Structures are given as structure tokens and as C-alpha cells.
Amino acid sequence: MSETSERLLDAVDEVITEHGPSGVTLRRVGTQAGLSHTAAAHYYQNKPGLFTAYITRAYNTMADGIEAASELEDPREAMLAAADAYARFAEAQPAQFSVMSRLELVNVDTPELWQARERGYFALAAILERGQAASWAPSYEVLDLIAITWGMVHGIVDLWVGGPLAAPFDGHQLQPTLRRLLISVLDDLDH
């Protein structure tokens, strides 16, 4: 990816922060990037093309963190580290996190998008499979464990970054709170 195309994707962060996802226009992104107002159209053709590249980059960044966590030897620590990576990403990139699941914004038939989405999913599945191989939660299907753990982590992170949980947990930090809650869920799944 060229420096200019990266600059345009970085500008999407700023536009979403200031105007929300519906405020993203090719003209506004080009201007925000300090480039010609036609630059985004040149690189991404249209708004779905821009969002496809933007969301693909976000999924790849998140997947990098989950894959790094999956390299930990202890599967339980890998699960906790994957949750930490997810939370770190959401806090560091709230604009990206806010639109990652919004498939109506993208060209859904783009292979790079699906490859990026699948990277994180399969890394998480591998962590959970390793946990089961070490006798954790053996009575569950892996798909059910993915739904339970990822759903719980995503829900807490989304509500925290979006605000509704941040206020009641005032004075607390997301990652230690998420870790404590996930440990409880992991323990419950093991019984």
C-alpha cells in the first residue's frame, strides 16, 4: 500500500471521529488527508471501496494482535492475551472498531476483506482448540466456545469504548476489568 493510500485511510479515522461513519465522503477524506479532494476517488473509486480498504486494514491489525496472543504456550494465557489485544485495538482505534462489523459499508465480495476477517477468527479458534486439547471445556463445541468468549469480549469492549459501561466502571480500566470477567467465564465453562 502506498504512502498516499495509507494517508487517506488514516484520514478516515479523523472523519469518523468528527462526523461519524455517515459523514465519510471521498471529498472530505481527501481534504482531511491534505490531498486533492479527488484523491480518495483515484485510489478507492467509491465510498464502498474506501471502506473496504479501511475495514480490511482494521481486521488485519486486530488479527495481528490475536495471532501474537496465539503464540503463547499456555492456552488460557493465550485466551486472555487475545482479549487484551482486542481491547487494546478498540481503545487505540475506536473509529475503526466502530465500523468493523458494518458490512453494508463495504464491497462484500472482496477476497482481501474476508481473508482479514478470517485471520482473527481462525487464530481464536486455534487458541480455543488448544485449550480443549489441554482438557479445558471439553463438553463444548469449538464454535460454541467462539460464540461465548468472543461475544462476551466484544460486548464488553463495545459497550466500554462506546460509553455505556465506561461510566458505571468509572475509575477502572478496560483491560484488567475485561480480564477479570473473562477469567470468570473461562472458569465457568470448565465445569
N, C-alpha and C. Protein backbone atom coordinates (compact mmCIF):
# COMPACT_ATOMS: atom_id res chain seq x y z
N MET A 1 0.85 -1.18 0.00
CA MET A 1 0.00 0.00 0.00
C MET A 1 0.90 1.24 0.00
N SER A 2 0.54 2.19 -0.81
CA SER A 2 1.36 3.39 -0.94
C SER A 2 1.17 4.32 0.26
N GLU A 3 2.10 5.22 0.39
CA GLU A 3 2.02 6.21 1.47
C GLU A 3 0.76 7.07 1.35
N THR A 4 0.41 7.42 0.12
CA THR A 4 -0.79 8.25 -0.10
C THR A 4 -2.05 7.48 0.27
N SER A 5 -2.13 6.21 -0.12
CA SER A 5 -3.33 5.45 0.21
C SER A 5 -3.44 5.23 1.72
N GLU A 6 -2.32 5.03 2.40
CA GLU A 6 -2.31 4.93 3.86
C GLU A 6 -2.78 6.25 4.49
N ARG A 7 -2.30 7.34 3.95
CA ARG A 7 -2.69 8.66 4.45
C ARG A 7 -4.20 8.87 4.33
N LEU A 8 -4.76 8.42 3.23
CA LEU A 8 -6.21 8.52 3.05
C LEU A 8 -6.96 7.67 4.07
N LEU A 9 -6.47 6.45 4.32
CA LEU A 9 -7.13 5.60 5.31
C LEU A 9 -7.00 6.19 6.71
N ASP A 10 -5.86 6.80 7.00
CA ASP A 10 -5.70 7.48 8.29
C ASP A 10 -6.70 8.63 8.42
N ALA A 11 -6.96 9.30 7.32
CA ALA A 11 -7.90 10.42 7.34
C ALA A 11 -9.32 9.94 7.63
N VAL A 12 -9.64 8.70 7.25
CA VAL A 12 -10.97 8.16 7.55
C VAL A 12 -11.19 8.13 9.06
N ASP A 13 -10.14 7.77 9.82
CA ASP A 13 -10.24 7.80 11.29
C ASP A 13 -10.72 9.17 11.77
N GLU A 14 -10.10 10.20 11.26
CA GLU A 14 -10.41 11.56 11.69
C GLU A 14 -11.81 11.97 11.27
N VAL A 15 -12.21 11.59 10.07
CA VAL A 15 -13.54 11.95 9.59
C VAL A 15 -14.61 11.23 10.42
N ILE A 16 -14.41 9.94 10.70
CA ILE A 16 -15.37 9.20 11.52
C ILE A 16 -15.45 9.82 12.91
N THR A 17 -14.31 10.17 13.48
CA THR A 17 -14.29 10.77 14.82
C THR A 17 -15.07 12.09 14.83
N GLU A 18 -14.92 12.89 13.81
CA GLU A 18 -15.58 14.20 13.76
C GLU A 18 -17.03 14.15 13.27
N HIS A 19 -17.33 13.25 12.33
CA HIS A 19 -18.62 13.29 11.65
C HIS A 19 -19.40 11.98 11.70
N GLY A 20 -18.80 10.94 12.27
CA GLY A 20 -19.45 9.63 12.26
C GLY A 20 -19.28 8.95 10.92
N PRO A 21 -19.59 7.65 10.85
CA PRO A 21 -19.43 6.92 9.59
C PRO A 21 -20.25 7.50 8.44
N SER A 22 -21.43 8.02 8.72
CA SER A 22 -22.26 8.56 7.65
C SER A 22 -21.67 9.85 7.09
N GLY A 23 -20.75 10.49 7.82
CA GLY A 23 -20.12 11.71 7.35
C GLY A 23 -18.91 11.48 6.48
N VAL A 24 -18.56 10.21 6.26
CA VAL A 24 -17.40 9.90 5.41
C VAL A 24 -17.81 10.08 3.95
N THR A 25 -17.11 10.98 3.29
CA THR A 25 -17.25 11.16 1.84
C THR A 25 -15.85 11.14 1.24
N LEU A 26 -15.77 10.79 -0.01
CA LEU A 26 -14.46 10.77 -0.67
C LEU A 26 -13.83 12.16 -0.65
N ARG A 27 -14.61 13.15 -0.92
CA ARG A 27 -14.12 14.54 -0.93
C ARG A 27 -13.59 14.92 0.46
N ARG A 28 -14.36 14.63 1.50
CA ARG A 28 -13.96 15.01 2.86
C ARG A 28 -12.69 14.28 3.28
N VAL A 29 -12.57 13.00 2.91
CA VAL A 29 -11.38 12.22 3.27
C VAL A 29 -10.15 12.78 2.56
N GLY A 30 -10.26 13.09 1.28
CA GLY A 30 -9.14 13.67 0.55
C GLY A 30 -8.69 14.98 1.15
N THR A 31 -9.65 15.82 1.48
CA THR A 31 -9.34 17.12 2.09
C THR A 31 -8.70 16.93 3.46
N GLN A 32 -9.26 16.02 4.26
CA GLN A 32 -8.73 15.76 5.61
C GLN A 32 -7.28 15.24 5.54
N ALA A 33 -7.00 14.49 4.50
CA ALA A 33 -5.64 13.94 4.32
C ALA A 33 -4.66 14.99 3.80
N GLY A 34 -5.17 16.18 3.49
CA GLY A 34 -4.31 17.23 2.95
C GLY A 34 -3.97 17.01 1.50
N LEU A 35 -4.83 16.29 0.81
CA LEU A 35 -4.60 15.97 -0.60
C LEU A 35 -5.72 16.59 -1.43
N SER A 36 -5.68 16.34 -2.70
CA SER A 36 -6.75 16.78 -3.58
C SER A 36 -8.06 16.15 -3.13
N HIS A 37 -9.14 16.87 -3.33
CA HIS A 37 -10.44 16.33 -2.95
C HIS A 37 -10.84 15.14 -3.81
N THR A 38 -10.10 14.88 -4.86
CA THR A 38 -10.37 13.71 -5.71
C THR A 38 -9.43 12.54 -5.44
N ALA A 39 -8.51 12.70 -4.49
CA ALA A 39 -7.50 11.66 -4.24
C ALA A 39 -8.13 10.34 -3.81
N ALA A 40 -9.11 10.39 -2.92
CA ALA A 40 -9.72 9.14 -2.44
C ALA A 40 -10.42 8.41 -3.58
N ALA A 41 -11.07 9.16 -4.48
CA ALA A 41 -11.72 8.53 -5.64
C ALA A 41 -10.69 7.89 -6.55
N HIS A 42 -9.53 8.52 -6.68
CA HIS A 42 -8.47 7.95 -7.52
C HIS A 42 -7.99 6.61 -6.97
N TYR A 43 -7.79 6.53 -5.66
CA TYR A 43 -7.25 5.32 -5.05
C TYR A 43 -8.31 4.26 -4.77
N TYR A 44 -9.52 4.65 -4.43
CA TYR A 44 -10.53 3.69 -3.97
C TYR A 44 -11.82 3.68 -4.79
N GLN A 45 -11.92 4.44 -5.84
CA GLN A 45 -13.05 4.53 -6.76
C GLN A 45 -14.33 5.10 -6.14
N ASN A 46 -14.77 4.54 -5.02
CA ASN A 46 -16.04 4.96 -4.43
C ASN A 46 -16.01 4.74 -2.92
N LYS A 47 -17.06 5.16 -2.27
CA LYS A 47 -17.12 5.05 -0.82
C LYS A 47 -17.04 3.59 -0.34
N PRO A 48 -17.76 2.64 -0.93
CA PRO A 48 -17.58 1.25 -0.50
C PRO A 48 -16.15 0.75 -0.69
N GLY A 49 -15.48 1.18 -1.76
CA GLY A 49 -14.08 0.80 -1.96
C GLY A 49 -13.19 1.35 -0.86
N LEU A 50 -13.44 2.59 -0.46
CA LEU A 50 -12.68 3.20 0.62
C LEU A 50 -12.92 2.46 1.93
N PHE A 51 -14.18 2.20 2.26
CA PHE A 51 -14.50 1.49 3.50
C PHE A 51 -13.97 0.05 3.47
N THR A 52 -13.97 -0.57 2.31
CA THR A 52 -13.44 -1.93 2.21
C THR A 52 -11.96 -1.95 2.60
N ALA A 53 -11.19 -1.03 2.05
CA ALA A 53 -9.76 -0.95 2.38
C ALA A 53 -9.56 -0.60 3.85
N TYR A 54 -10.36 0.32 4.34
CA TYR A 54 -10.26 0.79 5.73
C TYR A 54 -10.56 -0.34 6.71
N ILE A 55 -11.64 -1.06 6.47
CA ILE A 55 -12.05 -2.13 7.37
C ILE A 55 -11.14 -3.34 7.23
N THR A 56 -10.65 -3.61 6.02
CA THR A 56 -9.68 -4.69 5.84
C THR A 56 -8.43 -4.41 6.65
N ARG A 57 -7.94 -3.18 6.58
CA ARG A 57 -6.76 -2.82 7.37
C ARG A 57 -7.03 -2.99 8.86
N ALA A 58 -8.22 -2.61 9.31
CA ALA A 58 -8.57 -2.74 10.73
C ALA A 58 -8.57 -4.21 11.16
N TYR A 59 -9.19 -5.07 10.35
CA TYR A 59 -9.22 -6.50 10.69
C TYR A 59 -7.82 -7.09 10.70
N ASN A 60 -6.97 -6.69 9.78
CA ASN A 60 -5.60 -7.20 9.78
C ASN A 60 -4.84 -6.75 11.01
N THR A 61 -5.04 -5.52 11.43
CA THR A 61 -4.37 -5.04 12.64
C THR A 61 -4.84 -5.82 13.86
N MET A 62 -6.15 -6.01 13.96
CA MET A 62 -6.67 -6.77 15.08
C MET A 62 -6.19 -8.22 15.04
N ALA A 63 -6.18 -8.81 13.85
CA ALA A 63 -5.72 -10.19 13.71
C ALA A 63 -4.25 -10.33 14.11
N ASP A 64 -3.44 -9.32 13.82
CA ASP A 64 -2.03 -9.35 14.25
C ASP A 64 -1.94 -9.57 15.76
N GLY A 65 -2.76 -8.85 16.52
CA GLY A 65 -2.74 -8.98 17.97
C GLY A 65 -3.21 -10.34 18.44
N ILE A 66 -4.26 -10.87 17.81
CA ILE A 66 -4.78 -12.18 18.21
C ILE A 66 -3.80 -13.28 17.83
N GLU A 67 -3.18 -13.16 16.66
CA GLU A 67 -2.18 -14.15 16.26
C GLU A 67 -0.97 -14.12 17.19
N ALA A 68 -0.56 -12.93 17.61
CA ALA A 68 0.56 -12.84 18.56
C ALA A 68 0.19 -13.53 19.87
N ALA A 69 -1.04 -13.32 20.31
CA ALA A 69 -1.50 -13.97 21.55
C ALA A 69 -1.52 -15.48 21.39
N SER A 70 -1.87 -15.95 20.20
CA SER A 70 -1.97 -17.40 19.98
C SER A 70 -0.61 -18.10 20.07
N GLU A 71 0.46 -17.33 20.01
CA GLU A 71 1.79 -17.93 20.10
C GLU A 71 2.20 -18.26 21.54
N LEU A 72 1.44 -17.75 22.52
CA LEU A 72 1.75 -18.08 23.91
C LEU A 72 1.54 -19.58 24.14
N GLU A 73 2.41 -20.17 24.90
CA GLU A 73 2.35 -21.62 25.09
C GLU A 73 1.11 -22.06 25.86
N ASP A 74 0.78 -21.34 26.92
CA ASP A 74 -0.37 -21.71 27.75
C ASP A 74 -1.67 -21.23 27.07
N PRO A 75 -2.59 -22.15 26.75
CA PRO A 75 -3.80 -21.74 26.03
C PRO A 75 -4.67 -20.75 26.81
N ARG A 76 -4.72 -20.90 28.12
CA ARG A 76 -5.53 -19.98 28.93
C ARG A 76 -4.94 -18.57 28.87
N GLU A 77 -3.61 -18.47 28.99
CA GLU A 77 -2.97 -17.16 28.87
C GLU A 77 -3.13 -16.60 27.46
N ALA A 78 -3.14 -17.47 26.46
CA ALA A 78 -3.35 -17.03 25.09
C ALA A 78 -4.77 -16.46 24.93
N MET A 79 -5.76 -17.10 25.56
CA MET A 79 -7.13 -16.58 25.51
C MET A 79 -7.20 -15.19 26.13
N LEU A 80 -6.59 -15.04 27.28
CA LEU A 80 -6.60 -13.74 27.97
C LEU A 80 -5.83 -12.69 27.18
N ALA A 81 -4.71 -13.09 26.59
CA ALA A 81 -3.92 -12.16 25.79
C ALA A 81 -4.67 -11.74 24.51
N ALA A 82 -5.44 -12.66 23.93
CA ALA A 82 -6.24 -12.31 22.75
C ALA A 82 -7.30 -11.28 23.13
N ALA A 83 -7.93 -11.46 24.28
CA ALA A 83 -8.91 -10.48 24.76
C ALA A 83 -8.25 -9.14 25.01
N ASP A 84 -7.05 -9.16 25.61
CA ASP A 84 -6.31 -7.91 25.83
C ASP A 84 -6.02 -7.21 24.50
N ALA A 85 -5.60 -7.99 23.50
CA ALA A 85 -5.29 -7.41 22.19
C ALA A 85 -6.53 -6.79 21.56
N TYR A 86 -7.65 -7.45 21.72
CA TYR A 86 -8.92 -6.94 21.18
C TYR A 86 -9.27 -5.61 21.85
N ALA A 87 -9.14 -5.57 23.17
CA ALA A 87 -9.45 -4.34 23.92
C ALA A 87 -8.47 -3.22 23.59
N ARG A 88 -7.19 -3.54 23.49
CA ARG A 88 -6.18 -2.53 23.13
C ARG A 88 -6.49 -1.93 21.78
N PHE A 89 -6.82 -2.79 20.82
CA PHE A 89 -7.15 -2.30 19.49
C PHE A 89 -8.35 -1.35 19.55
N ALA A 90 -9.39 -1.75 20.23
CA ALA A 90 -10.61 -0.93 20.30
C ALA A 90 -10.35 0.41 20.96
N GLU A 91 -9.53 0.42 22.00
CA GLU A 91 -9.23 1.69 22.67
C GLU A 91 -8.32 2.57 21.83
N ALA A 92 -7.38 1.94 21.12
CA ALA A 92 -6.43 2.72 20.31
C ALA A 92 -7.06 3.18 18.99
N GLN A 93 -8.01 2.41 18.48
CA GLN A 93 -8.60 2.70 17.17
C GLN A 93 -10.13 2.68 17.27
N PRO A 94 -10.72 3.56 18.06
CA PRO A 94 -12.18 3.49 18.24
C PRO A 94 -12.98 3.71 16.95
N ALA A 95 -12.47 4.55 16.05
CA ALA A 95 -13.19 4.76 14.79
C ALA A 95 -13.22 3.48 13.97
N GLN A 96 -12.08 2.82 13.87
CA GLN A 96 -12.02 1.56 13.12
C GLN A 96 -12.90 0.51 13.77
N PHE A 97 -12.80 0.40 15.09
CA PHE A 97 -13.59 -0.59 15.82
C PHE A 97 -15.08 -0.36 15.60
N SER A 98 -15.49 0.90 15.51
CA SER A 98 -16.91 1.21 15.40
C SER A 98 -17.54 0.76 14.08
N VAL A 99 -16.74 0.56 13.05
CA VAL A 99 -17.31 0.20 11.75
C VAL A 99 -16.90 -1.19 11.25
N MET A 100 -16.12 -1.91 12.01
CA MET A 100 -15.59 -3.18 11.52
C MET A 100 -16.66 -4.19 11.13
N SER A 101 -17.76 -4.19 11.81
CA SER A 101 -18.82 -5.17 11.52
C SER A 101 -19.89 -4.63 10.59
N ARG A 102 -19.69 -3.47 10.05
CA ARG A 102 -20.70 -2.82 9.21
C ARG A 102 -20.50 -3.20 7.74
N LEU A 103 -20.91 -4.40 7.40
CA LEU A 103 -20.70 -4.90 6.04
C LEU A 103 -21.49 -4.14 4.99
N GLU A 104 -22.52 -3.41 5.40
CA GLU A 104 -23.27 -2.61 4.42
C GLU A 104 -22.42 -1.47 3.86
N LEU A 105 -21.28 -1.18 4.50
CA LEU A 105 -20.42 -0.10 4.05
C LEU A 105 -19.41 -0.54 2.99
N VAL A 106 -19.23 -1.83 2.82
CA VAL A 106 -18.11 -2.35 2.03
C VAL A 106 -18.56 -3.06 0.76
N ASN A 107 -17.60 -3.38 -0.08
CA ASN A 107 -17.81 -4.30 -1.20
C ASN A 107 -17.63 -5.71 -0.64
N VAL A 108 -18.73 -6.38 -0.35
CA VAL A 108 -18.66 -7.63 0.41
C VAL A 108 -17.98 -8.77 -0.33
N ASP A 109 -17.83 -8.67 -1.62
CA ASP A 109 -17.22 -9.75 -2.39
C ASP A 109 -15.71 -9.60 -2.54
N THR A 110 -15.10 -8.79 -1.69
CA THR A 110 -13.66 -8.54 -1.78
C THR A 110 -12.89 -9.62 -1.00
N PRO A 111 -12.10 -10.45 -1.69
CA PRO A 111 -11.40 -11.55 -1.01
C PRO A 111 -10.48 -11.07 0.12
N GLU A 112 -9.80 -9.95 -0.06
CA GLU A 112 -8.87 -9.47 0.98
C GLU A 112 -9.61 -9.15 2.28
N LEU A 113 -10.83 -8.66 2.16
CA LEU A 113 -11.63 -8.37 3.36
C LEU A 113 -11.93 -9.66 4.11
N TRP A 114 -12.36 -10.69 3.39
CA TRP A 114 -12.71 -11.95 4.05
C TRP A 114 -11.48 -12.64 4.61
N GLN A 115 -10.36 -12.53 3.92
CA GLN A 115 -9.12 -13.11 4.45
C GLN A 115 -8.73 -12.43 5.76
N ALA A 116 -8.86 -11.11 5.81
CA ALA A 116 -8.53 -10.38 7.03
C ALA A 116 -9.47 -10.76 8.16
N ARG A 117 -10.76 -10.85 7.88
CA ARG A 117 -11.73 -11.23 8.90
C ARG A 117 -11.44 -12.64 9.42
N GLU A 118 -11.10 -13.54 8.52
CA GLU A 118 -10.87 -14.93 8.89
C GLU A 118 -9.59 -15.13 9.70
N ARG A 119 -8.60 -14.28 9.49
CA ARG A 119 -7.34 -14.42 10.23
C ARG A 119 -7.57 -14.41 11.74
N GLY A 120 -8.28 -13.41 12.23
CA GLY A 120 -8.55 -13.32 13.66
C GLY A 120 -9.42 -14.45 14.14
N TYR A 121 -10.43 -14.79 13.35
CA TYR A 121 -11.35 -15.87 13.72
C TYR A 121 -10.59 -17.20 13.87
N PHE A 122 -9.78 -17.54 12.88
CA PHE A 122 -9.08 -18.82 12.93
C PHE A 122 -7.99 -18.84 14.00
N ALA A 123 -7.38 -17.70 14.27
CA ALA A 123 -6.40 -17.65 15.37
C ALA A 123 -7.10 -17.89 16.70
N LEU A 124 -8.27 -17.28 16.90
CA LEU A 124 -9.04 -17.51 18.12
C LEU A 124 -9.48 -18.97 18.20
N ALA A 125 -9.97 -19.52 17.11
CA ALA A 125 -10.39 -20.93 17.10
C ALA A 125 -9.23 -21.84 17.49
N ALA A 126 -8.03 -21.55 16.98
CA ALA A 126 -6.87 -22.38 17.31
C ALA A 126 -6.53 -22.30 18.80
N ILE A 127 -6.66 -21.12 19.38
CA ILE A 127 -6.40 -20.98 20.82
C ILE A 127 -7.40 -21.83 21.61
N LEU A 128 -8.66 -21.74 21.27
CA LEU A 128 -9.69 -22.48 21.99
C LEU A 128 -9.54 -23.99 21.79
N GLU A 129 -9.16 -24.41 20.59
CA GLU A 129 -8.91 -25.82 20.33
C GLU A 129 -7.74 -26.34 21.17
N ARG A 130 -6.71 -25.51 21.31
CA ARG A 130 -5.57 -25.89 22.16
C ARG A 130 -6.02 -26.01 23.61
N GLY A 131 -6.88 -25.11 24.04
CA GLY A 131 -7.42 -25.20 25.39
C GLY A 131 -8.17 -26.50 25.61
N GLN A 132 -8.98 -26.87 24.63
CA GLN A 132 -9.72 -28.12 24.75
C GLN A 132 -8.78 -29.33 24.73
N ALA A 133 -7.72 -29.26 23.94
CA ALA A 133 -6.75 -30.35 23.92
C ALA A 133 -6.06 -30.50 25.28
N ALA A 134 -6.04 -29.40 26.04
CA ALA A 134 -5.45 -29.43 27.39
C ALA A 134 -6.54 -29.66 28.45
N SER A 135 -7.69 -30.19 28.02
CA SER A 135 -8.80 -30.58 28.89
C SER A 135 -9.63 -29.43 29.45
N TRP A 136 -9.62 -28.28 28.77
CA TRP A 136 -10.48 -27.17 29.19
C TRP A 136 -11.78 -27.25 28.40
N ALA A 137 -12.91 -27.14 29.07
CA ALA A 137 -14.24 -27.09 28.47
C ALA A 137 -14.45 -28.17 27.41
N PRO A 138 -14.16 -29.43 27.73
CA PRO A 138 -14.22 -30.47 26.70
C PRO A 138 -15.63 -30.79 26.20
N SER A 139 -16.65 -30.43 26.93
CA SER A 139 -18.02 -30.80 26.52
C SER A 139 -18.63 -29.81 25.52
N TYR A 140 -17.93 -28.73 25.21
CA TYR A 140 -18.44 -27.72 24.29
C TYR A 140 -17.90 -27.93 22.88
N GLU A 141 -18.70 -27.53 21.90
CA GLU A 141 -18.22 -27.44 20.53
C GLU A 141 -17.35 -26.18 20.42
N VAL A 142 -16.32 -26.23 19.62
CA VAL A 142 -15.44 -25.07 19.45
C VAL A 142 -16.23 -23.85 18.97
N LEU A 143 -17.14 -24.05 18.04
CA LEU A 143 -17.94 -22.95 17.54
C LEU A 143 -18.74 -22.28 18.67
N ASP A 144 -19.26 -23.07 19.59
CA ASP A 144 -19.98 -22.51 20.74
C ASP A 144 -19.04 -21.73 21.65
N LEU A 145 -17.83 -22.24 21.85
CA LEU A 145 -16.86 -21.53 22.67
C LEU A 145 -16.45 -20.20 22.03
N ILE A 146 -16.32 -20.19 20.70
CA ILE A 146 -16.01 -18.94 20.00
C ILE A 146 -17.14 -17.94 20.22
N ALA A 147 -18.38 -18.40 20.06
CA ALA A 147 -19.52 -17.50 20.23
C ALA A 147 -19.59 -16.96 21.64
N ILE A 148 -19.38 -17.81 22.63
CA ILE A 148 -19.47 -17.37 24.02
C ILE A 148 -18.35 -16.40 24.38
N THR A 149 -17.11 -16.78 24.09
CA THR A 149 -15.99 -15.95 24.51
C THR A 149 -15.87 -14.68 23.69
N TRP A 150 -15.95 -14.79 22.37
CA TRP A 150 -15.83 -13.62 21.51
C TRP A 150 -17.02 -12.70 21.71
N GLY A 151 -18.20 -13.28 21.83
CA GLY A 151 -19.39 -12.46 22.07
C GLY A 151 -19.28 -11.68 23.36
N MET A 152 -18.80 -12.34 24.40
CA MET A 152 -18.65 -11.68 25.70
C MET A 152 -17.59 -10.58 25.63
N VAL A 153 -16.45 -10.91 25.06
CA VAL A 153 -15.36 -9.92 24.95
C VAL A 153 -15.80 -8.74 24.09
N HIS A 154 -16.37 -9.03 22.92
CA HIS A 154 -16.79 -7.95 22.04
C HIS A 154 -17.85 -7.09 22.71
N GLY A 155 -18.81 -7.71 23.36
CA GLY A 155 -19.88 -6.95 24.01
C GLY A 155 -19.35 -6.00 25.06
N ILE A 156 -18.48 -6.49 25.91
CA ILE A 156 -17.92 -5.63 26.96
C ILE A 156 -17.07 -4.51 26.35
N VAL A 157 -16.22 -4.87 25.41
CA VAL A 157 -15.35 -3.86 24.78
C VAL A 157 -16.19 -2.81 24.05
N ASP A 158 -17.18 -3.25 23.30
CA ASP A 158 -18.02 -2.33 22.55
C ASP A 158 -18.79 -1.39 23.49
N LEU A 159 -19.34 -1.93 24.54
CA LEU A 159 -20.09 -1.10 25.49
C LEU A 159 -19.16 -0.18 26.28
N TRP A 160 -17.94 -0.60 26.50
CA TRP A 160 -16.97 0.22 27.22
C TRP A 160 -16.48 1.37 26.34
N VAL A 161 -16.03 1.03 25.14
CA VAL A 161 -15.49 2.04 24.23
C VAL A 161 -16.60 3.00 23.79
N GLY A 162 -17.80 2.47 23.61
CA GLY A 162 -18.93 3.29 23.22
C GLY A 162 -19.51 4.13 24.34
N GLY A 163 -19.16 3.82 25.59
CA GLY A 163 -19.57 4.66 26.71
C GLY A 163 -20.47 4.06 27.76
N PRO A 164 -21.47 3.24 27.42
CA PRO A 164 -22.42 2.80 28.45
C PRO A 164 -21.80 2.06 29.63
N LEU A 165 -20.74 1.30 29.41
CA LEU A 165 -20.10 0.61 30.54
C LEU A 165 -18.97 1.42 31.16
N ALA A 166 -18.41 2.34 30.42
CA ALA A 166 -17.30 3.14 30.95
C ALA A 166 -17.75 3.97 32.13
N ALA A 167 -18.94 4.53 32.06
CA ALA A 167 -19.43 5.39 33.16
C ALA A 167 -19.63 4.61 34.46
N PRO A 168 -20.34 3.47 34.44
CA PRO A 168 -20.50 2.74 35.70
C PRO A 168 -19.18 2.20 36.27
N PHE A 169 -18.23 1.94 35.39
CA PHE A 169 -16.92 1.45 35.83
C PHE A 169 -15.91 2.59 35.95
N ASP A 170 -16.41 3.79 36.19
CA ASP A 170 -15.53 4.96 36.33
C ASP A 170 -14.42 4.66 37.33
N GLY A 171 -13.20 4.99 36.96
CA GLY A 171 -12.05 4.72 37.81
C GLY A 171 -11.42 3.37 37.53
N HIS A 172 -12.03 2.56 36.69
CA HIS A 172 -11.48 1.25 36.32
C HIS A 172 -10.92 1.34 34.91
N GLN A 173 -10.05 0.41 34.60
CA GLN A 173 -9.51 0.34 33.25
C GLN A 173 -10.11 -0.87 32.55
N LEU A 174 -10.27 -0.75 31.25
CA LEU A 174 -10.92 -1.81 30.47
C LEU A 174 -10.19 -3.14 30.56
N GLN A 175 -8.90 -3.16 30.28
CA GLN A 175 -8.21 -4.45 30.17
C GLN A 175 -8.23 -5.26 31.47
N PRO A 176 -7.91 -4.69 32.63
CA PRO A 176 -7.99 -5.51 33.84
C PRO A 176 -9.42 -5.96 34.17
N THR A 177 -10.38 -5.09 33.88
CA THR A 177 -11.78 -5.46 34.14
C THR A 177 -12.19 -6.59 33.21
N LEU A 178 -11.87 -6.46 31.93
CA LEU A 178 -12.20 -7.50 30.96
C LEU A 178 -11.53 -8.81 31.33
N ARG A 179 -10.27 -8.75 31.72
CA ARG A 179 -9.53 -9.96 32.09
C ARG A 179 -10.20 -10.66 33.27
N ARG A 180 -10.58 -9.90 34.29
CA ARG A 180 -11.23 -10.47 35.48
C ARG A 180 -12.54 -11.16 35.09
N LEU A 181 -13.33 -10.49 34.27
CA LEU A 181 -14.62 -11.06 33.85
C LEU A 181 -14.43 -12.28 32.95
N LEU A 182 -13.45 -12.22 32.06
CA LEU A 182 -13.20 -13.36 31.18
C LEU A 182 -12.70 -14.57 31.97
N ILE A 183 -11.88 -14.35 32.95
CA ILE A 183 -11.42 -15.46 33.80
C ILE A 183 -12.63 -16.16 34.43
N SER A 184 -13.60 -15.40 34.90
CA SER A 184 -14.81 -16.00 35.49
C SER A 184 -15.54 -16.86 34.46
N VAL A 185 -15.67 -16.34 33.23
CA VAL A 185 -16.36 -17.10 32.18
C VAL A 185 -15.57 -18.35 31.82
N LEU A 186 -14.26 -18.23 31.68
CA LEU A 186 -13.45 -19.39 31.35
C LEU A 186 -13.55 -20.46 32.44
N ASP A 187 -13.56 -20.04 33.71
CA ASP A 187 -13.71 -20.98 34.81
C ASP A 187 -15.08 -21.66 34.77
N ASP A 188 -16.13 -20.88 34.50
CA ASP A 188 -17.48 -21.43 34.43
C ASP A 188 -17.60 -22.43 33.28
N LEU A 189 -16.99 -22.15 32.15
CA LEU A 189 -17.06 -23.06 31.01
C LEU A 189 -16.34 -24.37 31.29
N ASP A 190 -15.44 -24.38 32.22
CA ASP A 190 -14.63 -25.57 32.52
C ASP A 190 -15.35 -26.52 33.47
N HIS A 191 -16.52 -26.15 33.94
CA HIS A 191 -17.24 -27.03 34.88
C HIS A 191 -18.33 -27.81 34.22
